[in-house]
Amino acid sequence: MTHFGDFEPLCRQVPSYPWCNLFYRQLHTHNASVLTPPSADAGSAPVGVNPECGIPLVGHDGSLANIANIIASALSILLLLLLIFWTTRRRAAVGRVEFRIFLVLYLLTLPFQLIDTGAFLQQGSTALTAITAIHAGLVAATFWALVGNAIVSTQVVEDGTLSSLVPFNFFTLAFFVATTYISLDVGFTFTTVFGPSNPPADLHSTPLFVLTSIWPGAAAIIYFLIMTYVVLAMLNEVRPMWYYVLAAVLFVLSQLDFFLLSKVICRGASQKVDGSFVATVLETAAVTVLYFAWRSITEESWEDDMYYPR
């Protein structure tokens, strides 16, 4: 029976689910008997723990690694660099510094994602476990930055000032450090606080599950609700709202693809690719639309008294 905080169903059914790397290391160290083919041989094991379908380690069975997602991530990195450049040039825009931090954080997740789902580092290795832990920390921090941007948009504090940047950066760092530490402890089991899983086969970690699976979805919902209030109630506009609706749709589609269609694609492609590259493209598209949404509500056409109600 599956319980809240169990990663076993995800690591078995969702190809290229990065957090499974942490549990593979945990099992490889403490309970290797739980690992069955294709995970039994670390030299060829795909991402996941006993996955129903997965891309083998590069060089095995003709595997080219997770080549589709590697390309998608690389192209996304180039696009994010362009978005960051455009954001930096808009010097007078509301929330420019905070939004740029969000873009930088998302940019940083991409190379880590490229590596820890790329199927070219051996499962159970120290490097793969550490990279996955840092990736988890960056994801949690990125979604806090998303929520932080929404809060800044309400002008409850003035953007770009210490009253905005100090708490914004404090919570960004807090999410990163806490999630990275928990992830490292799950993988390397420095202590018995966050691991190993009991029973081992359940791949259980409630804190990791909350920070990597629940928090991103909750943060996306919080962001959408706050921005709906900002656009419709504070700005009294409708046009920018369509950007946020489109971004939300793209994000939801990316998650549906990753969690529901990825295994179908993996099997249809004979384990050469999976749906992770589609999810990466859709997520990056959602972030790009968020840039245009942010730009639309910070245009010079908005009057100051509209954005700063008295």
Protein backbone atom coordinates (compact mmCIF):
# COMPACT_ATOMS: atom_id res chain seq x y z
CA MET A 1 0.00 0.00 0.00
CA THR A 2 1.37 3.39 -1.00
CA HIS A 3 1.65 6.09 1.66
CA PHE A 4 2.17 9.84 1.48
CA GLY A 5 5.88 10.44 0.92
CA ASP A 6 6.53 7.19 -0.96
CA PHE A 7 8.55 7.61 -4.16
CA GLU A 8 8.32 3.96 -5.18
CA PRO A 9 5.40 4.38 -7.65
CA LEU A 10 7.04 7.43 -9.22
CA CYS A 11 10.47 5.83 -9.52
CA ARG A 12 8.91 2.72 -11.08
CA GLN A 13 6.43 4.33 -13.46
CA VAL A 14 7.93 7.73 -14.41
CA PRO A 15 11.04 7.57 -16.61
CA SER A 16 13.83 10.07 -15.89
CA TYR A 17 12.39 11.15 -12.53
CA PRO A 18 15.54 12.76 -11.09
CA TRP A 19 14.88 12.37 -7.35
CA CYS A 20 15.02 8.60 -7.75
CA ASN A 21 18.79 8.95 -8.09
CA LEU A 22 18.91 9.73 -4.37
CA PHE A 23 17.08 6.53 -3.45
CA TYR A 24 19.14 4.43 -5.84
CA ARG A 25 22.27 5.52 -3.97
CA GLN A 26 20.54 4.80 -0.65
CA LEU A 27 19.51 1.30 -1.72
CA HIS A 28 22.83 0.57 -3.41
CA THR A 29 24.55 1.32 -0.10
CA HIS A 30 22.17 -0.28 2.40
CA ASN A 31 19.75 -2.65 0.66
CA ALA A 32 21.07 -3.62 -2.78
CA SER A 33 18.84 -6.70 -2.81
CA VAL A 34 15.83 -4.42 -3.45
CA LEU A 35 17.28 -3.49 -6.83
CA THR A 36 16.07 -5.74 -9.64
CA PRO A 37 16.64 -5.55 -13.40
CA PRO A 38 17.10 -3.12 -15.04
CA SER A 39 18.37 -1.40 -11.85
CA ALA A 40 20.39 -4.34 -10.51
CA ASP A 41 23.44 -3.50 -12.64
CA ALA A 42 24.58 0.03 -11.80
CA GLY A 43 26.80 0.00 -14.88
CA SER A 44 23.80 0.08 -17.21
CA ALA A 45 20.89 1.11 -14.97
CA PRO A 46 18.57 3.86 -16.23
CA VAL A 47 17.30 6.74 -14.10
CA GLY A 48 14.76 5.37 -11.63
CA VAL A 49 14.49 2.47 -9.22
CA ASN A 50 13.36 -0.74 -10.93
CA PRO A 51 11.64 1.33 -13.65
CA GLU A 52 9.14 -0.23 -16.04
CA CYS A 53 10.80 1.69 -18.85
CA GLY A 54 14.00 3.73 -18.83
CA ILE A 55 16.83 4.89 -21.07
CA PRO A 56 19.94 2.75 -20.37
CA LEU A 57 23.24 4.34 -19.43
CA VAL A 58 24.99 5.76 -22.47
CA GLY A 59 26.89 3.12 -24.44
CA HIS A 60 24.68 0.21 -23.37
CA ASP A 61 22.26 -1.40 -25.83
CA GLY A 62 22.99 1.36 -28.32
CA SER A 63 21.90 4.09 -25.89
CA LEU A 64 22.73 7.66 -26.85
CA ALA A 65 21.78 8.78 -23.33
CA ASN A 66 18.66 10.92 -22.91
CA ILE A 67 19.60 12.73 -26.09
CA ALA A 68 16.25 14.41 -26.75
CA ASN A 69 16.11 16.01 -23.30
CA ILE A 70 19.78 16.97 -23.48
CA ILE A 71 19.07 18.91 -26.68
CA ALA A 72 15.87 20.42 -25.25
CA SER A 73 17.71 21.53 -22.10
CA ALA A 74 20.60 23.01 -24.09
CA LEU A 75 18.24 25.03 -26.30
CA SER A 76 16.30 26.13 -23.22
CA ILE A 77 19.52 27.42 -21.67
CA LEU A 78 20.14 29.61 -24.71
CA LEU A 79 16.58 30.96 -24.60
CA LEU A 80 16.85 31.74 -20.88
CA LEU A 81 20.07 33.65 -21.44
CA LEU A 82 18.20 35.78 -23.97
CA LEU A 83 15.29 36.36 -21.56
CA ILE A 84 17.68 37.37 -18.79
CA PHE A 85 19.38 39.83 -21.15
CA TRP A 86 16.03 41.35 -22.13
CA THR A 87 14.99 41.58 -18.47
CA THR A 88 18.22 43.30 -17.50
CA ARG A 89 17.69 45.95 -20.18
CA ARG A 90 14.29 46.96 -18.78
CA ARG A 91 15.83 49.05 -16.01
CA ALA A 92 12.67 50.90 -14.97
CA ALA A 93 10.34 47.89 -14.92
CA VAL A 94 8.61 46.94 -11.67
CA GLY A 95 10.11 43.82 -10.08
CA ARG A 96 12.99 43.62 -12.56
CA VAL A 97 15.58 42.42 -10.04
CA GLU A 98 13.29 39.82 -8.49
CA PHE A 99 12.09 38.50 -11.84
CA ARG A 100 15.67 38.23 -13.07
CA ILE A 101 16.54 36.15 -10.01
CA PHE A 102 13.69 33.80 -10.88
CA LEU A 103 14.95 33.45 -14.45
CA VAL A 104 18.52 32.84 -13.27
CA LEU A 105 17.36 30.13 -10.87
CA TYR A 106 15.35 28.39 -13.58
CA LEU A 107 18.36 28.67 -15.88
CA LEU A 108 20.53 26.98 -13.23
CA THR A 109 18.12 24.04 -12.93
CA LEU A 110 18.54 23.22 -16.62
CA PRO A 111 22.18 22.03 -16.70
CA PHE A 112 21.62 20.04 -13.51
CA GLN A 113 18.53 18.47 -15.07
CA LEU A 114 20.50 17.76 -18.23
CA ILE A 115 23.07 15.86 -16.16
CA ASP A 116 20.97 14.01 -13.58
CA THR A 117 18.40 12.77 -16.12
CA GLY A 118 20.85 12.46 -19.00
CA ALA A 119 21.74 8.78 -18.46
CA PHE A 120 25.45 9.38 -18.87
CA LEU A 121 26.50 9.25 -15.20
CA GLN A 122 26.42 5.87 -13.46
CA GLN A 123 23.55 5.27 -11.05
CA GLY A 124 24.65 5.25 -7.42
CA SER A 125 27.75 7.34 -8.10
CA THR A 126 28.71 10.14 -5.72
CA ALA A 127 28.70 12.72 -8.50
CA LEU A 128 25.19 11.85 -9.71
CA THR A 129 23.80 11.86 -6.16
CA ALA A 130 25.34 15.22 -5.29
CA ILE A 131 24.21 16.82 -8.58
CA THR A 132 20.68 15.53 -8.03
CA ALA A 133 20.61 16.97 -4.50
CA ILE A 134 21.70 20.40 -5.73
CA HIS A 135 19.12 20.19 -8.52
CA ALA A 136 16.39 19.52 -5.93
CA GLY A 137 17.50 22.56 -3.94
CA LEU A 138 17.44 24.75 -7.03
CA VAL A 139 13.94 23.58 -7.98
CA ALA A 140 12.56 24.37 -4.52
CA ALA A 141 14.27 27.79 -4.55
CA THR A 142 12.98 28.53 -8.06
CA PHE A 143 9.38 27.98 -7.03
CA TRP A 144 9.84 30.19 -3.97
CA ALA A 145 11.21 32.88 -6.31
CA LEU A 146 8.05 32.47 -8.39
CA VAL A 147 5.85 33.08 -5.33
CA GLY A 148 8.14 35.91 -4.23
CA ASN A 149 7.67 37.64 -7.56
CA ALA A 150 3.92 37.48 -7.15
CA ILE A 151 4.17 39.03 -3.68
CA VAL A 152 6.42 41.80 -5.02
CA SER A 153 3.87 42.46 -7.79
CA THR A 154 1.30 43.43 -5.14
CA GLN A 155 3.71 46.21 -4.06
CA VAL A 156 3.25 45.26 -0.44
CA VAL A 157 6.93 46.24 -0.34
CA GLU A 158 8.77 48.36 -2.89
CA ASP A 159 10.55 46.23 -5.46
CA GLY A 160 14.32 46.35 -5.80
CA THR A 161 14.83 47.76 -2.30
CA LEU A 162 16.31 46.09 0.76
CA SER A 163 12.84 45.61 2.23
CA SER A 164 12.05 43.44 -0.80
CA LEU A 165 15.39 41.84 -1.63
CA VAL A 166 16.45 40.80 1.89
CA PRO A 167 13.43 38.55 2.63
CA PHE A 168 13.26 37.46 -1.03
CA ASN A 169 16.88 36.29 -1.04
CA PHE A 170 16.68 34.92 2.51
CA PHE A 171 13.83 32.55 1.66
CA THR A 172 15.45 31.67 -1.67
CA LEU A 173 18.60 30.62 0.17
CA ALA A 174 16.59 28.89 2.92
CA PHE A 175 14.66 26.75 0.43
CA PHE A 176 17.86 25.91 -1.44
CA VAL A 177 19.89 24.97 1.64
CA ALA A 178 17.12 23.01 3.37
CA THR A 179 16.14 21.03 0.30
CA THR A 180 19.72 20.35 -0.74
CA TYR A 181 20.66 19.15 2.74
CA ILE A 182 17.62 16.87 3.00
CA SER A 183 18.35 15.48 -0.46
CA LEU A 184 21.98 14.83 0.41
CA ASP A 185 20.93 13.08 3.62
CA VAL A 186 18.42 10.94 1.75
CA GLY A 187 21.07 9.91 -0.76
CA PHE A 188 24.15 9.56 1.42
CA THR A 189 22.35 8.83 4.74
CA PHE A 190 24.72 10.96 6.82
CA THR A 191 22.17 10.70 9.62
CA THR A 192 19.04 8.63 10.27
CA VAL A 193 16.78 11.70 10.35
CA PHE A 194 15.85 11.65 6.64
CA GLY A 195 16.77 8.10 5.75
CA PRO A 196 17.17 5.33 5.01
CA SER A 197 13.62 4.49 3.98
CA ASN A 198 11.71 2.06 6.17
CA PRO A 199 10.80 -0.28 4.60
CA PRO A 200 13.54 0.21 2.01
CA ALA A 201 11.40 -0.70 -1.00
CA ASP A 202 8.92 2.13 -0.32
CA LEU A 203 11.55 4.79 -1.05
CA HIS A 204 9.93 6.92 1.63
CA SER A 205 10.84 10.50 2.54
CA THR A 206 8.04 12.86 3.49
CA PRO A 207 10.20 16.04 3.64
CA LEU A 208 11.72 15.35 0.23
CA PHE A 209 8.31 14.54 -1.22
CA VAL A 210 6.81 17.78 0.10
CA LEU A 211 9.68 19.96 -1.15
CA THR A 212 10.09 18.39 -4.59
CA SER A 213 6.57 17.19 -5.45
CA ILE A 214 4.00 19.14 -3.40
CA TRP A 215 5.70 22.53 -3.05
CA PRO A 216 6.22 23.21 -6.80
CA GLY A 217 2.54 22.60 -7.56
CA ALA A 218 1.38 24.60 -4.55
CA ALA A 219 3.71 27.47 -5.45
CA ALA A 220 2.41 27.55 -9.02
CA ILE A 221 -1.19 27.77 -7.76
CA ILE A 222 -0.33 30.50 -5.24
CA TYR A 223 1.45 32.49 -7.95
CA PHE A 224 -1.47 32.21 -10.36
CA LEU A 225 -4.00 33.30 -7.73
CA ILE A 226 -1.94 36.32 -6.62
CA MET A 227 -1.27 37.43 -10.20
CA THR A 228 -4.97 37.06 -11.01
CA TYR A 229 -5.68 39.50 -8.17
CA VAL A 230 -2.93 41.89 -9.33
CA VAL A 231 -4.08 41.96 -12.96
CA LEU A 232 -7.85 41.95 -12.52
CA ALA A 233 -8.25 43.85 -9.25
CA MET A 234 -5.23 46.16 -8.98
CA LEU A 235 -4.58 46.90 -12.66
CA ASN A 236 -8.20 46.40 -13.69
CA GLU A 237 -7.02 44.85 -16.97
CA VAL A 238 -7.87 41.65 -18.80
CA ARG A 239 -5.30 41.41 -21.61
CA PRO A 240 -2.29 40.45 -19.45
CA MET A 241 -4.35 37.73 -17.79
CA TRP A 242 -4.32 35.69 -20.96
CA TYR A 243 -0.55 35.36 -20.69
CA TYR A 244 -0.88 33.92 -17.19
CA VAL A 245 -3.62 31.54 -18.30
CA LEU A 246 -1.45 30.34 -21.18
CA ALA A 247 1.55 29.89 -18.87
CA ALA A 248 -0.61 27.87 -16.46
CA VAL A 249 -1.89 25.66 -19.28
CA LEU A 250 1.66 25.02 -20.54
CA PHE A 251 2.86 24.15 -17.03
CA VAL A 252 -0.03 21.74 -16.45
CA LEU A 253 0.58 20.10 -19.84
CA SER A 254 4.27 19.70 -19.00
CA GLN A 255 3.40 17.85 -15.80
CA LEU A 256 0.78 15.68 -17.48
CA ASP A 257 3.30 14.75 -20.16
CA PHE A 258 6.04 13.99 -17.65
CA PHE A 259 3.97 11.91 -15.23
CA LEU A 260 1.45 10.26 -17.58
CA LEU A 261 2.84 10.15 -21.12
CA SER A 262 6.56 9.78 -20.53
CA LYS A 263 6.39 6.00 -20.08
CA VAL A 264 4.20 5.68 -23.19
CA ILE A 265 6.76 7.62 -25.23
CA CYS A 266 9.60 5.59 -23.72
CA ARG A 267 8.02 2.30 -24.72
CA GLY A 268 7.01 3.58 -28.15
CA ALA A 269 10.59 4.72 -28.80
CA SER A 270 12.11 1.42 -27.56
CA GLN A 271 13.80 3.19 -24.63
CA LYS A 272 15.68 5.61 -26.87
CA VAL A 273 13.83 8.70 -25.61
CA ASP A 274 11.07 9.44 -23.12
CA GLY A 275 8.66 12.31 -22.47
CA SER A 276 11.07 14.37 -20.40
CA PHE A 277 12.13 16.43 -23.42
CA VAL A 278 8.51 17.42 -24.10
CA ALA A 279 8.13 18.45 -20.45
CA THR A 280 11.31 20.54 -20.66
CA VAL A 281 10.08 22.31 -23.81
CA LEU A 282 6.67 23.02 -22.27
CA GLU A 283 8.14 24.25 -18.96
CA THR A 284 10.53 26.57 -20.76
CA ALA A 285 7.65 27.80 -22.92
CA ALA A 286 5.68 28.52 -19.72
CA VAL A 287 8.60 30.54 -18.30
CA THR A 288 8.90 32.43 -21.59
CA VAL A 289 5.21 33.30 -21.50
CA LEU A 290 5.67 34.49 -17.90
CA TYR A 291 8.33 36.87 -19.18
CA PHE A 292 5.89 38.36 -21.67
CA ALA A 293 3.22 38.48 -18.96
CA TRP A 294 5.59 40.37 -16.66
CA ARG A 295 6.53 42.70 -19.50
CA SER A 296 2.87 43.36 -20.30
CA ILE A 297 2.06 44.50 -16.74
CA THR A 298 5.17 46.67 -16.50
CA GLU A 299 4.72 48.53 -19.77
CA GLU A 300 5.07 52.29 -19.68
CA SER A 301 1.42 52.52 -20.70
CA TRP A 302 0.34 51.56 -17.18
CA GLU A 303 -0.16 54.72 -15.15
CA ASP A 304 1.63 54.94 -11.83
CA ASP A 305 -1.56 55.63 -9.92
CA MET A 306 -3.03 52.47 -11.41
CA TYR A 307 -0.20 50.31 -10.11
CA TYR A 308 0.34 52.20 -6.89
CA PRO A 309 -3.18 52.72 -5.54
CA ARG A 310 -3.57 55.46 -2.98
